[in-house]
Amino acid sequence: MKPQRPFILFLLAILLTGCNQQTSYKPKKLDPHKTYDDVYLLMGQSNASGVAQYSYLEAKDPEAYAKYVTGVDNVLISYDCDDHIENNFVPTKFGFGAGADYFGPEIGMAEVLSKQEATSYIIKATYGGSRLMTQYVTVNGTKKKLYKRYISFIQKQLKTLIDEGKNPRVRGMFWMQGETDSYFTTPSPSKYGKAQQFLFEYIRHDLNDYIYDHFTFVDAYIYTRGTIWAHADAVNNCKLKFAERNEHCYCIKTNGEDENAITLYLSGESGEGDDPAHYCSTSMLLLGKTAGELIIK
């Protein structure tokens, strides 16, 4: 008896889904006789790329301004940010955001990482306006174009470090994303949460050769106070639940919700009205520092 067509399609769907769900993960043990070069990932959309103008920090935080105009030599960064690409690892400084006048969380992260004795490396792979569920990973676990592009870039940069005689260890990732998903659709936990879980598991699987001991994932709430993001609370609820159910995962509350939260503000520094989507310079610096403190745990 020939199998029925619906049954064949069902089996095919399972096989195709299984091809995407490569999530095996087994971090290596640290060798006490070896030295490792710590690598940190930064991914997401525009508040990960950075649309904060660093010129405003000259008056607000002159110490940070002076330090990151020239950059720090013990935190090196390589990036594919909004199609601006730097294949070499260079000192982390201002101007590596969505444009030459901007900076992202990498500056605050570098402020934390620079206090460590050894040199740290940041690989930044971000794109403004990008959606998790259509450009990175779908709710069914399909890897999309932006995920494939960025995982390829990250792997290439890790191999570059090896070619330079380094021994890269991917310590973790800061993920600042969710605004666009919130704007276009109601992201119930069964949607955004599922896609984020796949993203997390795929990243660990695809970089397993570079992960030792454990992999830290740091996430952050998106802005909710009078926001243009229609379903911001739903996205943030997904983020919090994700952090609660996964080991070595953290979610930064950014809207002053409780004593454990920070409070970030949108940019209005130009005097021409608030930017309804992007953080001001001091908030961007604080976001990066908070992520940096968690990612080294």
Foldseek 3Di string as FASTA:
>chain_A
DDDDPVVVVVVVVVVVLVVLQQQDFDAAADDPVDDAAEEEEQEAAQLSLWPAFLVVCCVVPVVLSVDQVQADPQEWEFECEQNDGRLDTHGHHAQRHNGRRTDHLVSLLCVLVVVDPHRHYYYYYYYHLDDLCAAAANLSRHGHDSVVVRLVSVVVSVVVCVVVVHQYAHLEYEYEYDQNVQQPDQQALSTLLSSVVSNVSVSNSSCNVRHHPDYAYEYEQADDDPASRNRSVRNLVSQVVNQVVDPNYYYAYAPCPDPRHHHWDFDPPVVPDGDRGYTYPVRRSVVSNVVSVSSVD
